[in-house]
Amino acid sequence: MNIYIVDDNFVIGKKVRKIVEHLDLSNAQFDLEPIVIDYPEKFYDELPLMEIADNSIFILDIDLNTHFTGIDLGKTIRAVNSECYVVYLTNFHDKAISVINENIHPWSYIVKELDDIRFETAIADALTTIFHQQMTREQSSDFLTFSVQKREILVPAKEVMYLKSMNGYKHSVLVCTMEEELIVDGTLKKFKTTLKQPFFFKELRAYVLNMNALTEWSRDEQYVGFINGEVLELGVKSIDKLKKALVQAGYR
């Protein structure tokens, strides 16, 4: 879990990193990677091209002494990822309205002028509640966690059209979602045991299908179609198995 710390005050950035490094994570299954951004301008320019994970955390100085503010930074982050976490550091108590008006939806605001103990407690409390939220997300049946090149991502289960084994790649699976295709780490056999949502049909050798996402199928033409326009070619026996499962589950 990456924690990006963006503050033009070197002392504050170093202090926040130290707080993160000393957090008690005995009850969490996260590896924290605090990253102090030394060059906020370069970071701001590169941000639109970054791959931001849903569990990434950004601790931002709201009053950066640059040509942009922490609010501008927050807006850019939200344009890339709407699910990650934003925590604002500020010297003022009245900045929340400005952020609210920009629909950045930060997790919390922390006032820098607190004494060291209160500041450390505020940072630790904010991060601890984020960790609890993230664990809830990952344990929720509404989301699936996939590993993509050592990066963990969350995908709403309802947006997964199907999973497909990949010939020649023993430890990779193709996941087709509403908007994109992902090549994720793992095996189809393993996913068949871990997927608990009742709408996943797991009786085919090379596929797992989301029955809620099906819009059509043809036994004669040997295909099934999904709500995102994807079409899969399946044999007659596979379609017969699928139709039987749909009837038993009350879909048709």
C-alpha atoms as a PDB file:
ATOM      1  CA  MET A   1       0.000   0.000   0.000  1.00  0.00           C
ATOM      2  CA  ASN A   2       1.648   3.214  -1.181  1.00  0.00           C
ATOM      3  CA  ILE A   3       1.366   6.319   0.979  1.00  0.00           C
ATOM      4  CA  TYR A   4       2.383   9.432  -0.944  1.00  0.00           C
ATOM      5  CA  ILE A   5       3.386  12.405   1.239  1.00  0.00           C
ATOM      6  CA  VAL A   6       3.340  15.742  -0.563  1.00  0.00           C
ATOM      7  CA  ASP A   7       4.412  18.716   1.522  1.00  0.00           C
ATOM      8  CA  ASP A   8       6.861  21.454   0.559  1.00  0.00           C
ATOM      9  CA  ASN A   9       8.047  21.595   4.164  1.00  0.00           C
ATOM     10  CA  PHE A  10      10.782  18.952   4.386  1.00  0.00           C
ATOM     11  CA  VAL A  11      10.431  18.715   8.179  1.00  0.00           C
ATOM     12  CA  ILE A  12       6.698  17.937   7.952  1.00  0.00           C
ATOM     13  CA  GLY A  13       7.233  15.337   5.221  1.00  0.00           C
ATOM     14  CA  LYS A  14       9.943  13.612   7.244  1.00  0.00           C
ATOM     15  CA  LYS A  15       7.783  13.707  10.379  1.00  0.00           C
ATOM     16  CA  VAL A  16       4.794  12.114   8.591  1.00  0.00           C
ATOM     17  CA  ARG A  17       6.992   9.381   7.108  1.00  0.00           C
ATOM     18  CA  LYS A  18       8.363   8.570  10.562  1.00  0.00           C
ATOM     19  CA  ILE A  19       4.824   8.307  11.943  1.00  0.00           C
ATOM     20  CA  VAL A  20       3.862   5.910   9.148  1.00  0.00           C
ATOM     21  CA  GLU A  21       6.954   3.764   9.687  1.00  0.00           C
ATOM     22  CA  HIS A  22       6.151   3.361  13.384  1.00  0.00           C
ATOM     23  CA  LEU A  23       2.492   2.424  13.005  1.00  0.00           C
ATOM     24  CA  ASP A  24       1.388  -0.804  14.668  1.00  0.00           C
ATOM     25  CA  LEU A  25       0.097  -3.006  11.841  1.00  0.00           C
ATOM     26  CA  SER A  26      -0.080  -6.269  13.755  1.00  0.00           C
ATOM     27  CA  ASN A  27      -3.794  -6.595  12.942  1.00  0.00           C
ATOM     28  CA  ALA A  28      -3.545  -5.523   9.311  1.00  0.00           C
ATOM     29  CA  GLN A  29      -2.298  -7.392   6.277  1.00  0.00           C
ATOM     30  CA  PHE A  30      -0.678  -4.432   4.568  1.00  0.00           C
ATOM     31  CA  ASP A  31       2.880  -3.639   3.595  1.00  0.00           C
ATOM     32  CA  LEU A  32       3.185   0.138   3.812  1.00  0.00           C
ATOM     33  CA  GLU A  33       5.443   2.075   1.485  1.00  0.00           C
ATOM     34  CA  PRO A  34       5.688   5.726   2.595  1.00  0.00           C
ATOM     35  CA  ILE A  35       6.928   7.868  -0.303  1.00  0.00           C
ATOM     36  CA  VAL A  36       7.933  11.457   0.393  1.00  0.00           C
ATOM     37  CA  ILE A  37       7.636  13.502  -2.795  1.00  0.00           C
ATOM     38  CA  ASP A  38      10.738  15.703  -3.051  1.00  0.00           C
ATOM     39  CA  TYR A  39       9.650  17.484  -6.230  1.00  0.00           C
ATOM     40  CA  PRO A  40       5.915  18.288  -6.071  1.00  0.00           C
ATOM     41  CA  GLU A  41       5.922  20.062  -9.459  1.00  0.00           C
ATOM     42  CA  LYS A  42       7.291  16.992 -11.262  1.00  0.00           C
ATOM     43  CA  PHE A  43       4.882  14.754  -9.351  1.00  0.00           C
ATOM     44  CA  TYR A  44       1.947  16.992 -10.332  1.00  0.00           C
ATOM     45  CA  ASP A  45       2.923  16.882 -14.021  1.00  0.00           C
ATOM     46  CA  GLU A  46       3.299  13.089 -14.021  1.00  0.00           C
ATOM     47  CA  LEU A  47       0.202  12.361 -11.950  1.00  0.00           C
ATOM     48  CA  PRO A  48      -2.305  12.089 -14.858  1.00  0.00           C
ATOM     49  CA  LEU A  49      -0.218   9.224 -16.281  1.00  0.00           C
ATOM     50  CA  MET A  50       0.186   7.347 -12.992  1.00  0.00           C
ATOM     51  CA  GLU A  51      -1.552   4.071 -12.236  1.00  0.00           C
ATOM     52  CA  ILE A  52      -3.177   4.781  -8.885  1.00  0.00           C
ATOM     53  CA  ALA A  53      -4.427   1.767  -6.942  1.00  0.00           C
ATOM     54  CA  ASP A  54      -7.701   1.981  -5.032  1.00  0.00           C
ATOM     55  CA  ASN A  55      -5.823   1.444  -1.764  1.00  0.00           C
ATOM     56  CA  SER A  56      -3.276   4.219  -2.369  1.00  0.00           C
ATOM     57  CA  ILE A  57      -3.173   7.003   0.220  1.00  0.00           C
ATOM     58  CA  PHE A  58      -2.223  10.612  -0.506  1.00  0.00           C
ATOM     59  CA  ILE A  59      -1.290  12.877   2.398  1.00  0.00           C
ATOM     60  CA  LEU A  60      -1.320  16.360   0.878  1.00  0.00           C
ATOM     61  CA  ASP A  61      -0.359  19.806   2.092  1.00  0.00           C
ATOM     62  CA  ILE A  62      -3.367  21.876   1.131  1.00  0.00           C
ATOM     63  CA  ASP A  63      -1.271  25.076   0.865  1.00  0.00           C
ATOM     64  CA  LEU A  64       1.645  24.058  -1.335  1.00  0.00           C
ATOM     65  CA  ASN A  65       4.008  26.909  -2.142  1.00  0.00           C
ATOM     66  CA  THR A  66       3.935  26.200  -5.892  1.00  0.00           C
ATOM     67  CA  HIS A  67       1.921  27.251  -8.943  1.00  0.00           C
ATOM     68  CA  PHE A  68      -0.763  24.776  -7.827  1.00  0.00           C
ATOM     69  CA  THR A  69      -2.383  23.988  -4.497  1.00  0.00           C
ATOM     70  CA  GLY A  70      -3.175  20.793  -2.670  1.00  0.00           C
ATOM     71  CA  ILE A  71      -6.725  21.255  -3.898  1.00  0.00           C
ATOM     72  CA  ASP A  72      -5.496  21.201  -7.513  1.00  0.00           C
ATOM     73  CA  LEU A  73      -3.493  18.093  -6.677  1.00  0.00           C
ATOM     74  CA  GLY A  74      -6.553  16.459  -5.134  1.00  0.00           C
ATOM     75  CA  LYS A  75      -8.675  17.217  -8.204  1.00  0.00           C
ATOM     76  CA  THR A  76      -6.052  15.618 -10.458  1.00  0.00           C
ATOM     77  CA  ILE A  77      -5.872  12.546  -8.224  1.00  0.00           C
ATOM     78  CA  ARG A  78      -9.658  12.190  -8.311  1.00  0.00           C
ATOM     79  CA  ALA A  79      -9.630  12.453 -12.107  1.00  0.00           C
ATOM     80  CA  VAL A  80      -7.361   9.392 -12.195  1.00  0.00           C
ATOM     81  CA  ASN A  81      -8.923   7.376  -9.355  1.00  0.00           C
ATOM     82  CA  SER A  82     -12.122   8.060  -7.454  1.00  0.00           C
ATOM     83  CA  GLU A  83     -11.617   5.306  -4.855  1.00  0.00           C
ATOM     84  CA  CYS A  84      -8.187   6.070  -3.342  1.00  0.00           C
ATOM     85  CA  TYR A  85      -7.742   7.932  -0.065  1.00  0.00           C
ATOM     86  CA  VAL A  86      -6.864  11.612   0.342  1.00  0.00           C
ATOM     87  CA  VAL A  87      -5.829  13.153   3.665  1.00  0.00           C
ATOM     88  CA  TYR A  88      -5.201  16.895   3.843  1.00  0.00           C
ATOM     89  CA  LEU A  89      -2.712  18.707   6.042  1.00  0.00           C
ATOM     90  CA  THR A  90      -3.468  22.378   6.609  1.00  0.00           C
ATOM     91  CA  ASN A  91      -2.476  25.364   8.705  1.00  0.00           C
ATOM     92  CA  PHE A  92      -6.035  26.665   8.596  1.00  0.00           C
ATOM     93  CA  HIS A  93      -9.369  25.461   9.930  1.00  0.00           C
ATOM     94  CA  ASP A  94     -11.503  26.914   7.147  1.00  0.00           C
ATOM     95  CA  LYS A  95     -10.190  25.072   4.061  1.00  0.00           C
ATOM     96  CA  ALA A  96     -12.763  22.287   4.126  1.00  0.00           C
ATOM     97  CA  ILE A  97     -15.389  24.295   2.215  1.00  0.00           C
ATOM     98  CA  SER A  98     -13.016  24.855  -0.700  1.00  0.00           C
ATOM     99  CA  VAL A  99     -12.293  21.135  -0.910  1.00  0.00           C
ATOM    100  CA  ILE A 100     -15.953  20.168  -0.588  1.00  0.00           C
ATOM    101  CA  ASN A 101     -16.822  22.462  -3.476  1.00  0.00           C
ATOM    102  CA  GLU A 102     -14.327  20.614  -5.671  1.00  0.00           C
ATOM    103  CA  ASN A 103     -15.808  17.149  -4.899  1.00  0.00           C
ATOM    104  CA  ILE A 104     -12.456  15.738  -3.801  1.00  0.00           C
ATOM    105  CA  HIS A 105     -14.019  13.842  -0.881  1.00  0.00           C
ATOM    106  CA  PRO A 106     -10.959  13.680   1.386  1.00  0.00           C
ATOM    107  CA  TRP A 107     -10.871  11.161   4.205  1.00  0.00           C
ATOM    108  CA  SER A 108      -9.845  13.736   6.805  1.00  0.00           C
ATOM    109  CA  TYR A 109      -8.247  17.119   7.534  1.00  0.00           C
ATOM    110  CA  ILE A 110      -5.369  17.428   9.960  1.00  0.00           C
ATOM    111  CA  VAL A 111      -4.164  20.774  11.310  1.00  0.00           C
ATOM    112  CA  LYS A 112      -0.381  21.109  11.273  1.00  0.00           C
ATOM    113  CA  GLU A 113      -0.309  23.527  14.191  1.00  0.00           C
ATOM    114  CA  LEU A 114      -1.100  20.782  16.666  1.00  0.00           C
ATOM    115  CA  ASP A 115       1.684  19.879  19.067  1.00  0.00           C
ATOM    116  CA  ASP A 116       3.801  16.869  18.068  1.00  0.00           C
ATOM    117  CA  ILE A 117       1.900  14.319  20.135  1.00  0.00           C
ATOM    118  CA  ARG A 118      -1.530  15.447  18.936  1.00  0.00           C
ATOM    119  CA  PHE A 119      -0.291  15.687  15.336  1.00  0.00           C
ATOM    120  CA  GLU A 120       1.118  12.157  15.474  1.00  0.00           C
ATOM    121  CA  THR A 121      -2.109  10.868  17.022  1.00  0.00           C
ATOM    122  CA  ALA A 122      -4.219  12.568  14.342  1.00  0.00           C
ATOM    123  CA  ILE A 123      -2.142  11.045  11.520  1.00  0.00           C
ATOM    124  CA  ALA A 124      -2.154   7.593  13.130  1.00  0.00           C
ATOM    125  CA  ASP A 125      -5.919   7.718  13.761  1.00  0.00           C
ATOM    126  CA  ALA A 126      -6.664   8.751  10.184  1.00  0.00           C
ATOM    127  CA  LEU A 127      -4.500   5.982   8.735  1.00  0.00           C
ATOM    128  CA  THR A 128      -5.876   3.362  11.106  1.00  0.00           C
ATOM    129  CA  THR A 129      -9.463   4.111  10.069  1.00  0.00           C
ATOM    130  CA  ILE A 130      -8.373   3.919   6.415  1.00  0.00           C
ATOM    131  CA  PHE A 131      -6.811   0.500   7.039  1.00  0.00           C
ATOM    132  CA  HIS A 132     -10.028  -0.730   8.622  1.00  0.00           C
ATOM    133  CA  GLN A 133     -12.011   0.596   5.666  1.00  0.00           C
ATOM    134  CA  GLN A 134      -9.654  -1.109   3.232  1.00  0.00           C
ATOM    135  CA  MET A 135      -9.940  -4.440   5.043  1.00  0.00           C
ATOM    136  CA  THR A 136     -13.730  -4.105   4.910  1.00  0.00           C
ATOM    137  CA  ARG A 137     -13.536  -3.413   1.189  1.00  0.00           C
ATOM    138  CA  GLU A 138     -11.385  -6.451   0.539  1.00  0.00           C
ATOM    139  CA  GLN A 139     -13.550  -8.737   2.653  1.00  0.00           C
ATOM    140  CA  SER A 140     -16.776  -7.490   1.091  1.00  0.00           C
ATOM    141  CA  SER A 141     -18.469  -9.769  -1.402  1.00  0.00           C
ATOM    142  CA  ASP A 142     -19.113  -6.648  -3.496  1.00  0.00           C
ATOM    143  CA  PHE A 143     -15.447  -6.466  -4.515  1.00  0.00           C
ATOM    144  CA  LEU A 144     -12.864  -8.859  -5.874  1.00  0.00           C
ATOM    145  CA  THR A 145      -9.139  -8.428  -5.258  1.00  0.00           C
ATOM    146  CA  PHE A 146      -6.770  -9.209  -8.121  1.00  0.00           C
ATOM    147  CA  SER A 147      -2.999  -9.036  -8.300  1.00  0.00           C
ATOM    148  CA  VAL A 148      -1.657  -7.400 -11.455  1.00  0.00           C
ATOM    149  CA  GLN A 149       2.151  -7.301 -11.698  1.00  0.00           C
ATOM    150  CA  LYS A 150       2.487  -7.275  -7.900  1.00  0.00           C
ATOM    151  CA  ARG A 151      -0.113  -4.485  -7.617  1.00  0.00           C
ATOM    152  CA  GLU A 152      -3.368  -5.221  -5.805  1.00  0.00           C
ATOM    153  CA  ILE A 153      -6.527  -3.849  -7.410  1.00  0.00           C
ATOM    154  CA  LEU A 154     -10.184  -4.011  -6.410  1.00  0.00           C
ATOM    155  CA  VAL A 155     -12.893  -4.662  -8.983  1.00  0.00           C
ATOM    156  CA  PRO A 156     -16.631  -4.606  -8.241  1.00  0.00           C
ATOM    157  CA  ALA A 157     -17.786  -8.201  -8.623  1.00  0.00           C
ATOM    158  CA  LYS A 158     -20.801  -7.185 -10.677  1.00  0.00           C
ATOM    159  CA  GLU A 159     -18.502  -5.606 -13.289  1.00  0.00           C
ATOM    160  CA  VAL A 160     -16.634  -8.841 -14.004  1.00  0.00           C
ATOM    161  CA  MET A 161     -18.040 -10.422 -17.166  1.00  0.00           C
ATOM    162  CA  TYR A 162     -15.927 -13.571 -17.125  1.00  0.00           C
ATOM    163  CA  LEU A 163     -12.570 -15.119 -16.222  1.00  0.00           C
ATOM    164  CA  LYS A 164     -10.665 -17.187 -18.754  1.00  0.00           C
ATOM    165  CA  SER A 165      -7.636 -19.458 -18.485  1.00  0.00           C
ATOM    166  CA  MET A 166      -4.783 -18.555 -20.821  1.00  0.00           C
ATOM    167  CA  ASN A 167      -3.119 -21.252 -22.907  1.00  0.00           C
ATOM    168  CA  GLY A 168       0.615 -21.313 -22.302  1.00  0.00           C
ATOM    169  CA  TYR A 169       0.408 -19.196 -19.129  1.00  0.00           C
ATOM    170  CA  LYS A 170      -0.016 -21.460 -16.113  1.00  0.00           C
ATOM    171  CA  HIS A 171      -0.208 -18.687 -13.532  1.00  0.00           C
ATOM    172  CA  SER A 172      -2.143 -15.986 -15.365  1.00  0.00           C
ATOM    173  CA  VAL A 173      -5.869 -15.520 -15.937  1.00  0.00           C
ATOM    174  CA  LEU A 174      -7.695 -13.134 -18.259  1.00  0.00           C
ATOM    175  CA  VAL A 175     -10.388 -11.125 -16.468  1.00  0.00           C
ATOM    176  CA  CYS A 176     -12.873  -9.318 -18.686  1.00  0.00           C
ATOM    177  CA  THR A 177     -14.614  -6.451 -16.877  1.00  0.00           C
ATOM    178  CA  MET A 178     -17.215  -3.947 -17.943  1.00  0.00           C
ATOM    179  CA  GLU A 179     -14.556  -1.588 -19.321  1.00  0.00           C
ATOM    180  CA  GLU A 180     -11.294  -3.476 -19.809  1.00  0.00           C
ATOM    181  CA  GLU A 181      -9.411  -6.750 -19.905  1.00  0.00           C
ATOM    182  CA  LEU A 182      -6.888  -7.550 -17.172  1.00  0.00           C
ATOM    183  CA  ILE A 183      -4.223 -10.231 -17.055  1.00  0.00           C
ATOM    184  CA  VAL A 184      -4.064 -11.160 -13.377  1.00  0.00           C
ATOM    185  CA  ASP A 185      -1.862 -13.445 -11.323  1.00  0.00           C
ATOM    186  CA  GLY A 186      -3.300 -16.804 -10.285  1.00  0.00           C
ATOM    187  CA  THR A 187      -5.009 -19.835 -11.755  1.00  0.00           C
ATOM    188  CA  LEU A 188      -8.598 -20.388 -12.794  1.00  0.00           C
ATOM    189  CA  LYS A 189      -8.746 -23.391 -10.466  1.00  0.00           C
ATOM    190  CA  LYS A 190      -7.883 -21.176  -7.514  1.00  0.00           C
ATOM    191  CA  PHE A 191     -10.414 -18.499  -8.479  1.00  0.00           C
ATOM    192  CA  LYS A 192     -13.118 -21.145  -8.732  1.00  0.00           C
ATOM    193  CA  THR A 193     -12.551 -21.945  -5.057  1.00  0.00           C
ATOM    194  CA  THR A 194     -12.310 -18.324  -3.852  1.00  0.00           C
ATOM    195  CA  LEU A 195     -15.181 -16.713  -5.761  1.00  0.00           C
ATOM    196  CA  LYS A 196     -18.167 -16.878  -3.398  1.00  0.00           C
ATOM    197  CA  GLN A 197     -20.743 -14.814  -5.309  1.00  0.00           C
ATOM    198  CA  PRO A 198     -23.647 -17.072  -6.353  1.00  0.00           C
ATOM    199  CA  PHE A 199     -23.926 -15.479  -9.805  1.00  0.00           C
ATOM    200  CA  PHE A 200     -20.579 -16.874 -10.977  1.00  0.00           C
ATOM    201  CA  PHE A 201     -20.977 -20.041 -13.049  1.00  0.00           C
ATOM    202  CA  LYS A 202     -17.896 -22.194 -12.445  1.00  0.00           C
ATOM    203  CA  GLU A 203     -18.729 -25.513 -14.133  1.00  0.00           C
ATOM    204  CA  LEU A 204     -16.749 -24.923 -17.348  1.00  0.00           C
ATOM    205  CA  ARG A 205     -13.146 -26.043 -17.655  1.00  0.00           C
ATOM    206  CA  ALA A 206     -11.698 -22.828 -19.097  1.00  0.00           C
ATOM    207  CA  TYR A 207     -14.147 -20.142 -17.979  1.00  0.00           C
ATOM    208  CA  VAL A 208     -15.982 -18.592 -15.065  1.00  0.00           C
ATOM    209  CA  LEU A 209     -19.031 -16.642 -16.241  1.00  0.00           C
ATOM    210  CA  ASN A 210     -21.069 -13.924 -14.532  1.00  0.00           C
ATOM    211  CA  MET A 211     -24.648 -15.077 -15.103  1.00  0.00           C
ATOM    212  CA  ASN A 212     -25.971 -11.640 -14.117  1.00  0.00           C
ATOM    213  CA  ALA A 213     -24.021 -10.107 -17.003  1.00  0.00           C
ATOM    214  CA  LEU A 214     -25.357 -12.391 -19.741  1.00  0.00           C
ATOM    215  CA  THR A 215     -27.688 -10.867 -22.309  1.00  0.00           C
ATOM    216  CA  GLU A 216     -27.979 -13.591 -24.930  1.00  0.00           C
ATOM    217  CA  TRP A 217     -26.764 -16.983 -26.069  1.00  0.00           C
ATOM    218  CA  SER A 218     -27.225 -19.236 -29.075  1.00  0.00           C
ATOM    219  CA  ARG A 219     -26.869 -22.999 -29.047  1.00  0.00           C
ATOM    220  CA  ASP A 220     -26.958 -23.111 -32.849  1.00  0.00           C
ATOM    221  CA  GLU A 221     -24.338 -20.381 -33.335  1.00  0.00           C
ATOM    222  CA  GLN A 222     -22.442 -21.448 -30.213  1.00  0.00           C
ATOM    223  CA  TYR A 223     -21.859 -18.163 -28.432  1.00  0.00           C
ATOM    224  CA  VAL A 224     -22.888 -16.146 -25.386  1.00  0.00           C
ATOM    225  CA  GLY A 225     -23.103 -12.347 -25.153  1.00  0.00           C
ATOM    226  CA  PHE A 226     -22.580  -9.970 -22.226  1.00  0.00           C
ATOM    227  CA  ILE A 227     -23.924  -6.571 -21.246  1.00  0.00           C
ATOM    228  CA  ASN A 228     -20.679  -4.841 -22.238  1.00  0.00           C
ATOM    229  CA  GLY A 229     -20.928  -6.173 -25.803  1.00  0.00           C
ATOM    230  CA  GLU A 230     -18.368  -8.967 -25.331  1.00  0.00           C
ATOM    231  CA  VAL A 231     -19.075 -12.253 -27.100  1.00  0.00           C
ATOM    232  CA  LEU A 232     -17.601 -15.643 -26.190  1.00  0.00           C
ATOM    233  CA  GLU A 233     -17.622 -18.699 -28.408  1.00  0.00           C
ATOM    234  CA  LEU A 234     -18.721 -21.784 -26.447  1.00  0.00           C
ATOM    235  CA  GLY A 235     -19.444 -25.315 -27.510  1.00  0.00           C
ATOM    236  CA  VAL A 236     -22.908 -26.842 -27.445  1.00  0.00           C
ATOM    237  CA  LYS A 237     -22.203 -28.892 -24.293  1.00  0.00           C
ATOM    238  CA  SER A 238     -20.957 -25.793 -22.456  1.00  0.00           C
ATOM    239  CA  ILE A 239     -24.028 -23.788 -23.443  1.00  0.00           C
ATOM    240  CA  ASP A 240     -26.310 -26.634 -22.341  1.00  0.00           C
ATOM    241  CA  LYS A 241     -24.582 -26.683 -18.931  1.00  0.00           C
ATOM    242  CA  LEU A 242     -24.962 -22.922 -18.664  1.00  0.00           C
ATOM    243  CA  LYS A 243     -28.641 -22.964 -19.651  1.00  0.00           C
ATOM    244  CA  LYS A 244     -29.336 -25.658 -17.055  1.00  0.00           C
ATOM    245  CA  ALA A 245     -27.621 -23.582 -14.357  1.00  0.00           C
ATOM    246  CA  LEU A 246     -29.561 -20.463 -15.376  1.00  0.00           C
ATOM    247  CA  VAL A 247     -32.871 -22.294 -15.113  1.00  0.00           C
ATOM    248  CA  GLN A 248     -31.973 -23.796 -11.726  1.00  0.00           C
ATOM    249  CA  ALA A 249     -30.948 -20.382 -10.429  1.00  0.00           C
ATOM    250  CA  GLY A 250     -34.194 -18.830 -11.637  1.00  0.00           C
ATOM    251  CA  TYR A 251     -32.726 -16.585 -14.329  1.00  0.00           C
ATOM    252  CA  ARG A 252     -35.072 -17.833 -17.034  1.00  0.00           C
END
